[in-house]
Amino acid sequence: MQRTQSLLLARLARANPTSVFLVTLLLVLVALFAPGPVGAVLLLALAAALVALLSTTWSVQAPQTRVVRLLMLTLLVTAALAKLL
């Protein structure tokens, strides 16, 4: 591991992609079925984690990937705000 790499990023790189997908899917489903503000807070917490991950990996992503990730993030935040109202 290089000195510039974060320990958190090294752990994330070793994570099983299927497990990460399933845990994220479970979190989204719980947030969507949870009542009003509770679900919105869960969705916003997930969005905040994705913003942190997106900002960390921004420089190594292709422009097409950046657009898709920003679109997904926008949809997630929109769903959270709609759930608040």
C-alpha atoms as a PDB file:
ATOM      1  CA  MET A   1       0.000   0.000   0.000  1.00  0.00           C
ATOM      2  CA  GLN A   2       1.294   3.437  -0.907  1.00  0.00           C
ATOM      3  CA  ARG A   3       1.484   6.231   1.620  1.00  0.00           C
ATOM      4  CA  THR A   4      -1.150   8.233  -0.230  1.00  0.00           C
ATOM      5  CA  GLN A   5      -3.753   5.472   0.012  1.00  0.00           C
ATOM      6  CA  SER A   6      -6.286   5.488   2.776  1.00  0.00           C
ATOM      7  CA  LEU A   7      -6.812   2.450   4.981  1.00  0.00           C
ATOM      8  CA  LEU A   8     -10.543   2.810   4.430  1.00  0.00           C
ATOM      9  CA  LEU A   9     -10.107   2.723   0.661  1.00  0.00           C
ATOM     10  CA  ALA A  10      -7.879  -0.338   0.937  1.00  0.00           C
ATOM     11  CA  ARG A  11     -10.586  -2.106   2.960  1.00  0.00           C
ATOM     12  CA  LEU A  12     -13.251  -1.086   0.454  1.00  0.00           C
ATOM     13  CA  ALA A  13     -11.156  -2.450  -2.409  1.00  0.00           C
ATOM     14  CA  ARG A  14     -11.024  -5.839  -0.687  1.00  0.00           C
ATOM     15  CA  ALA A  15     -14.782  -5.945  -0.062  1.00  0.00           C
ATOM     16  CA  ASN A  16     -16.842  -8.537  -1.897  1.00  0.00           C
ATOM     17  CA  PRO A  17     -18.829  -6.630  -4.577  1.00  0.00           C
ATOM     18  CA  THR A  18     -21.837  -8.940  -4.252  1.00  0.00           C
ATOM     19  CA  SER A  19     -22.026  -8.388  -0.505  1.00  0.00           C
ATOM     20  CA  VAL A  20     -21.713  -4.624  -0.904  1.00  0.00           C
ATOM     21  CA  PHE A  21     -24.484  -4.633  -3.515  1.00  0.00           C
ATOM     22  CA  LEU A  22     -26.813  -6.732  -1.371  1.00  0.00           C
ATOM     23  CA  VAL A  23     -26.254  -4.627   1.758  1.00  0.00           C
ATOM     24  CA  THR A  24     -26.843  -1.434  -0.231  1.00  0.00           C
ATOM     25  CA  LEU A  25     -29.972  -2.880  -1.817  1.00  0.00           C
ATOM     26  CA  LEU A  26     -31.261  -3.897   1.607  1.00  0.00           C
ATOM     27  CA  LEU A  27     -30.598  -0.402   2.976  1.00  0.00           C
ATOM     28  CA  VAL A  28     -32.425   1.231   0.065  1.00  0.00           C
ATOM     29  CA  LEU A  29     -35.414  -1.088   0.411  1.00  0.00           C
ATOM     30  CA  VAL A  30     -35.634  -0.501   4.166  1.00  0.00           C
ATOM     31  CA  ALA A  31     -35.392   3.246   3.576  1.00  0.00           C
ATOM     32  CA  LEU A  32     -38.087   3.199   0.902  1.00  0.00           C
ATOM     33  CA  PHE A  33     -40.506   1.189   3.037  1.00  0.00           C
ATOM     34  CA  ALA A  34     -39.735   3.011   6.300  1.00  0.00           C
ATOM     35  CA  PRO A  35     -42.201   5.729   7.263  1.00  0.00           C
ATOM     36  CA  GLY A  36     -41.574   9.334   6.157  1.00  0.00           C
ATOM     37  CA  PRO A  37     -38.645  11.036   7.846  1.00  0.00           C
ATOM     38  CA  VAL A  38     -36.943   7.827   8.989  1.00  0.00           C
ATOM     39  CA  GLY A  39     -36.654   6.555   5.429  1.00  0.00           C
ATOM     40  CA  ALA A  40     -35.612   9.962   4.144  1.00  0.00           C
ATOM     41  CA  VAL A  41     -32.799  10.186   6.696  1.00  0.00           C
ATOM     42  CA  LEU A  42     -31.572   6.724   5.710  1.00  0.00           C
ATOM     43  CA  LEU A  43     -31.606   7.673   2.030  1.00  0.00           C
ATOM     44  CA  LEU A  44     -29.794  10.939   2.740  1.00  0.00           C
ATOM     45  CA  ALA A  45     -27.179   9.083   4.802  1.00  0.00           C
ATOM     46  CA  LEU A  46     -26.628   6.713   1.891  1.00  0.00           C
ATOM     47  CA  ALA A  47     -26.378   9.688  -0.468  1.00  0.00           C
ATOM     48  CA  ALA A  48     -23.779  11.315   1.790  1.00  0.00           C
ATOM     49  CA  ALA A  49     -21.700   8.133   1.780  1.00  0.00           C
ATOM     50  CA  LEU A  50     -21.954   7.984  -2.001  1.00  0.00           C
ATOM     51  CA  VAL A  51     -20.884  11.625  -2.319  1.00  0.00           C
ATOM     52  CA  ALA A  52     -17.794  10.854  -0.235  1.00  0.00           C
ATOM     53  CA  LEU A  53     -16.990   7.813  -2.350  1.00  0.00           C
ATOM     54  CA  LEU A  54     -17.671   9.691  -5.587  1.00  0.00           C
ATOM     55  CA  SER A  55     -15.415  12.587  -4.628  1.00  0.00           C
ATOM     56  CA  THR A  56     -12.632  10.181  -3.695  1.00  0.00           C
ATOM     57  CA  THR A  57     -12.794   8.232  -6.958  1.00  0.00           C
ATOM     58  CA  TRP A  58     -13.657  11.149  -9.266  1.00  0.00           C
ATOM     59  CA  SER A  59     -10.204  11.488 -10.850  1.00  0.00           C
ATOM     60  CA  VAL A  60      -9.991   7.842 -11.945  1.00  0.00           C
ATOM     61  CA  GLN A  61     -13.493   7.537 -13.431  1.00  0.00           C
ATOM     62  CA  ALA A  62     -14.336   7.860 -17.119  1.00  0.00           C
ATOM     63  CA  PRO A  63     -16.578  10.806 -18.034  1.00  0.00           C
ATOM     64  CA  GLN A  64     -19.472   8.464 -18.910  1.00  0.00           C
ATOM     65  CA  THR A  65     -19.216   6.808 -15.506  1.00  0.00           C
ATOM     66  CA  ARG A  66     -19.218  10.200 -13.802  1.00  0.00           C
ATOM     67  CA  VAL A  67     -22.446  11.178 -15.570  1.00  0.00           C
ATOM     68  CA  VAL A  68     -24.194   7.933 -14.631  1.00  0.00           C
ATOM     69  CA  ARG A  69     -23.089   8.182 -11.001  1.00  0.00           C
ATOM     70  CA  LEU A  70     -24.209  11.800 -10.747  1.00  0.00           C
ATOM     71  CA  LEU A  71     -27.568  10.856 -12.252  1.00  0.00           C
ATOM     72  CA  MET A  72     -28.027   8.018  -9.746  1.00  0.00           C
ATOM     73  CA  LEU A  73     -27.037  10.301  -6.879  1.00  0.00           C
ATOM     74  CA  THR A  74     -29.526  12.912  -8.064  1.00  0.00           C
ATOM     75  CA  LEU A  75     -32.296  10.317  -8.202  1.00  0.00           C
ATOM     76  CA  LEU A  76     -31.438   9.098  -4.704  1.00  0.00           C
ATOM     77  CA  VAL A  77     -31.514  12.612  -3.234  1.00  0.00           C
ATOM     78  CA  THR A  78     -34.759  13.356  -5.107  1.00  0.00           C
ATOM     79  CA  ALA A  79     -36.356  10.218  -3.655  1.00  0.00           C
ATOM     80  CA  ALA A  80     -35.204  11.215  -0.164  1.00  0.00           C
ATOM     81  CA  LEU A  81     -36.592  14.732  -0.495  1.00  0.00           C
ATOM     82  CA  ALA A  82     -39.875  13.424  -1.904  1.00  0.00           C
ATOM     83  CA  LYS A  83     -40.125  11.061   1.065  1.00  0.00           C
ATOM     84  CA  LEU A  84     -39.679  14.011   3.444  1.00  0.00           C
ATOM     85  CA  LEU A  85     -42.617  15.821   1.903  1.00  0.00           C
END
